[in-house]
Amino acid sequence: MLEENRRRIEESQRKEALEQQRREEERYRELEELQRQKEEAMRRKKQQEEEERVKQMKLLGKNKSRPKLSFALGSK
């Protein structure tokens, strides 16, 4: 009877440990997914900001988007 009691307790503890491990793994996967979503959102935002910056540079005619004219005197 004591042996059976001990075996039941061990089995219960083993099941609880497996359940705890499963919960921890699920939580870890959720955190990884959240991190991936945040990184993707930041990447999209950065790309959008870069596109806006390029568009603004074109509108303002900066960043060598128009040819530079030289008015130097003399010959080459």
N, C-alpha and C. Protein backbone atom coordinates (compact mmCIF):
# COMPACT_ATOMS: atom_id res chain seq x y z
N MET A 1 0.83 -1.20 0.00
CA MET A 1 0.00 0.00 0.00
C MET A 1 0.87 1.26 0.00
N LEU A 2 1.91 1.26 0.81
CA LEU A 2 2.81 2.41 0.82
C LEU A 2 3.51 2.58 -0.52
N GLU A 3 3.87 1.44 -1.10
CA GLU A 3 4.52 1.47 -2.42
C GLU A 3 3.58 2.06 -3.46
N GLU A 4 2.31 1.68 -3.42
CA GLU A 4 1.33 2.20 -4.37
C GLU A 4 1.10 3.69 -4.16
N ASN A 5 1.05 4.10 -2.90
CA ASN A 5 0.90 5.53 -2.58
C ASN A 5 2.09 6.32 -3.14
N ARG A 6 3.29 5.81 -2.92
CA ARG A 6 4.49 6.48 -3.40
C ARG A 6 4.47 6.57 -4.94
N ARG A 7 4.05 5.49 -5.58
CA ARG A 7 3.99 5.47 -7.03
C ARG A 7 2.96 6.49 -7.55
N ARG A 8 1.83 6.58 -6.89
CA ARG A 8 0.80 7.56 -7.29
C ARG A 8 1.33 8.99 -7.15
N ILE A 9 2.02 9.24 -6.05
CA ILE A 9 2.57 10.58 -5.81
C ILE A 9 3.60 10.92 -6.88
N GLU A 10 4.48 9.97 -7.18
CA GLU A 10 5.50 10.20 -8.21
C GLU A 10 4.85 10.46 -9.56
N GLU A 11 3.83 9.68 -9.89
CA GLU A 11 3.14 9.86 -11.17
C GLU A 11 2.46 11.23 -11.22
N SER A 12 1.86 11.63 -10.14
CA SER A 12 1.21 12.94 -10.07
C SER A 12 2.24 14.06 -10.23
N GLN A 13 3.38 13.91 -9.56
CA GLN A 13 4.44 14.92 -9.67
C GLN A 13 4.99 14.97 -11.10
N ARG A 14 5.14 13.82 -11.72
CA ARG A 14 5.65 13.77 -13.10
C ARG A 14 4.66 14.46 -14.05
N LYS A 15 3.37 14.18 -13.88
CA LYS A 15 2.36 14.83 -14.72
C LYS A 15 2.36 16.35 -14.53
N GLU A 16 2.48 16.76 -13.28
CA GLU A 16 2.51 18.20 -12.99
C GLU A 16 3.74 18.85 -13.61
N ALA A 17 4.87 18.18 -13.53
CA ALA A 17 6.10 18.72 -14.13
C ALA A 17 5.96 18.83 -15.65
N LEU A 18 5.36 17.83 -16.28
CA LEU A 18 5.15 17.89 -17.73
C LEU A 18 4.20 19.01 -18.11
N GLU A 19 3.15 19.17 -17.34
CA GLU A 19 2.19 20.25 -17.60
C GLU A 19 2.86 21.61 -17.44
N GLN A 20 3.67 21.77 -16.41
CA GLN A 20 4.39 23.02 -16.17
C GLN A 20 5.34 23.30 -17.35
N GLN A 21 6.04 22.28 -17.80
CA GLN A 21 6.95 22.44 -18.93
C GLN A 21 6.19 22.85 -20.18
N ARG A 22 5.04 22.23 -20.41
CA ARG A 22 4.22 22.57 -21.58
C ARG A 22 3.76 24.03 -21.52
N ARG A 23 3.33 24.47 -20.33
CA ARG A 23 2.90 25.87 -20.17
C ARG A 23 4.06 26.83 -20.42
N GLU A 24 5.24 26.49 -19.91
CA GLU A 24 6.41 27.36 -20.12
C GLU A 24 6.79 27.43 -21.59
N GLU A 25 6.74 26.29 -22.29
CA GLU A 25 7.05 26.28 -23.71
C GLU A 25 6.04 27.10 -24.51
N GLU A 26 4.78 27.00 -24.15
CA GLU A 26 3.74 27.78 -24.83
C GLU A 26 3.96 29.28 -24.60
N ARG A 27 4.27 29.64 -23.38
CA ARG A 27 4.53 31.05 -23.07
C ARG A 27 5.75 31.56 -23.85
N TYR A 28 6.78 30.72 -23.94
CA TYR A 28 7.97 31.09 -24.69
C TYR A 28 7.64 31.33 -26.16
N ARG A 29 6.82 30.45 -26.75
CA ARG A 29 6.42 30.62 -28.15
C ARG A 29 5.61 31.92 -28.33
N GLU A 30 4.74 32.21 -27.37
CA GLU A 30 3.96 33.45 -27.45
C GLU A 30 4.88 34.67 -27.40
N LEU A 31 5.87 34.63 -26.50
CA LEU A 31 6.80 35.75 -26.41
C LEU A 31 7.63 35.90 -27.69
N GLU A 32 8.05 34.78 -28.27
CA GLU A 32 8.79 34.83 -29.53
C GLU A 32 7.94 35.45 -30.63
N GLU A 33 6.67 35.08 -30.69
CA GLU A 33 5.76 35.61 -31.71
C GLU A 33 5.57 37.12 -31.52
N LEU A 34 5.39 37.54 -30.28
CA LEU A 34 5.26 38.98 -30.01
C LEU A 34 6.51 39.73 -30.43
N GLN A 35 7.68 39.18 -30.12
CA GLN A 35 8.93 39.82 -30.50
C GLN A 35 9.05 39.91 -32.02
N ARG A 36 8.68 38.84 -32.71
CA ARG A 36 8.74 38.84 -34.17
C ARG A 36 7.80 39.90 -34.75
N GLN A 37 6.61 40.02 -34.17
CA GLN A 37 5.65 41.02 -34.66
C GLN A 37 6.17 42.44 -34.43
N LYS A 38 6.79 42.67 -33.26
CA LYS A 38 7.35 44.00 -32.98
C LYS A 38 8.47 44.34 -33.96
N GLU A 39 9.35 43.36 -34.22
CA GLU A 39 10.45 43.59 -35.14
C GLU A 39 9.93 43.86 -36.55
N GLU A 40 8.91 43.14 -36.96
CA GLU A 40 8.33 43.34 -38.29
C GLU A 40 7.70 44.73 -38.38
N ALA A 41 6.99 45.14 -37.34
CA ALA A 41 6.37 46.47 -37.33
C ALA A 41 7.44 47.56 -37.39
N MET A 42 8.52 47.39 -36.66
CA MET A 42 9.61 48.38 -36.67
C MET A 42 10.27 48.42 -38.05
N ARG A 43 10.45 47.25 -38.66
CA ARG A 43 11.06 47.20 -39.99
C ARG A 43 10.18 47.92 -41.02
N ARG A 44 8.86 47.68 -40.94
CA ARG A 44 7.94 48.35 -41.86
C ARG A 44 7.95 49.87 -41.64
N LYS A 45 7.97 50.28 -40.36
CA LYS A 45 7.98 51.70 -40.06
C LYS A 45 9.26 52.36 -40.57
N LYS A 46 10.39 51.68 -40.37
CA LYS A 46 11.66 52.23 -40.83
C LYS A 46 11.68 52.34 -42.35
N GLN A 47 11.14 51.32 -43.03
CA GLN A 47 11.09 51.34 -44.49
C GLN A 47 10.19 52.48 -44.98
N GLN A 48 9.06 52.65 -44.31
CA GLN A 48 8.15 53.73 -44.69
C GLN A 48 8.81 55.10 -44.48
N GLU A 49 9.51 55.25 -43.37
CA GLU A 49 10.20 56.52 -43.11
C GLU A 49 11.28 56.78 -44.15
N GLU A 50 12.00 55.72 -44.55
CA GLU A 50 13.03 55.87 -45.57
C GLU A 50 12.40 56.27 -46.91
N GLU A 51 11.27 55.66 -47.25
CA GLU A 51 10.59 56.02 -48.49
C GLU A 51 10.13 57.48 -48.45
N GLU A 52 9.64 57.91 -47.32
CA GLU A 52 9.22 59.31 -47.17
C GLU A 52 10.41 60.25 -47.31
N ARG A 53 11.55 59.85 -46.72
CA ARG A 53 12.75 60.68 -46.79
C ARG A 53 13.23 60.80 -48.24
N VAL A 54 13.24 59.69 -48.97
CA VAL A 54 13.66 59.71 -50.37
C VAL A 54 12.70 60.57 -51.18
N LYS A 55 11.42 60.43 -50.93
CA LYS A 55 10.43 61.23 -51.64
C LYS A 55 10.64 62.71 -51.36
N GLN A 56 10.90 63.05 -50.11
CA GLN A 56 11.12 64.45 -49.73
C GLN A 56 12.39 64.99 -50.40
N MET A 57 13.44 64.16 -50.45
CA MET A 57 14.68 64.60 -51.08
C MET A 57 14.46 64.88 -52.56
N LYS A 58 13.65 64.05 -53.22
CA LYS A 58 13.37 64.27 -54.63
C LYS A 58 12.60 65.56 -54.82
N LEU A 59 11.63 65.79 -53.94
CA LEU A 59 10.83 67.01 -54.05
C LEU A 59 11.67 68.26 -53.84
N LEU A 60 12.62 68.17 -52.93
CA LEU A 60 13.45 69.33 -52.63
C LEU A 60 14.66 69.43 -53.55
N GLY A 61 14.88 68.41 -54.36
CA GLY A 61 15.99 68.45 -55.30
C GLY A 61 17.33 68.31 -54.61
N LYS A 62 17.39 67.54 -53.55
CA LYS A 62 18.62 67.38 -52.79
C LYS A 62 19.21 66.00 -53.05
N ASN A 63 20.34 65.77 -52.44
CA ASN A 63 21.02 64.48 -52.49
C ASN A 63 21.40 64.09 -53.91
N LYS A 64 21.91 65.07 -54.65
CA LYS A 64 22.45 64.85 -56.00
C LYS A 64 21.40 64.31 -56.96
N SER A 65 20.16 64.67 -56.76
CA SER A 65 19.13 64.21 -57.68
C SER A 65 19.05 65.13 -58.91
N ARG A 66 19.74 66.25 -58.86
CA ARG A 66 19.83 67.11 -60.04
C ARG A 66 21.32 67.35 -60.33
N PRO A 67 21.66 67.56 -61.56
CA PRO A 67 23.08 67.72 -61.90
C PRO A 67 23.66 69.02 -61.35
N LYS A 68 24.91 68.93 -60.97
CA LYS A 68 25.61 70.11 -60.46
C LYS A 68 26.25 70.83 -61.64
N LEU A 69 26.09 72.11 -61.68
CA LEU A 69 26.67 72.89 -62.76
C LEU A 69 27.92 73.58 -62.26
N SER A 70 28.93 73.58 -63.10
CA SER A 70 30.17 74.21 -62.72
C SER A 70 30.35 75.48 -63.53
N PHE A 71 30.71 76.57 -62.87
CA PHE A 71 30.90 77.85 -63.55
C PHE A 71 32.36 78.29 -63.45
N ALA A 72 33.23 77.33 -63.41
CA ALA A 72 34.65 77.63 -63.28
C ALA A 72 35.16 78.29 -64.56
N LEU A 73 36.08 79.22 -64.40
CA LEU A 73 36.72 79.86 -65.54
C LEU A 73 37.96 79.08 -65.89
N GLY A 74 38.22 79.00 -67.13
CA GLY A 74 39.41 78.29 -67.58
C GLY A 74 39.03 77.08 -68.37
N SER A 75 40.04 76.44 -68.90
CA SER A 75 39.79 75.27 -69.73
C SER A 75 40.33 74.02 -69.06
N LYS A 76 39.83 72.95 -69.49
CA LYS A 76 40.27 71.67 -68.91
C LYS A 76 41.23 70.98 -69.83
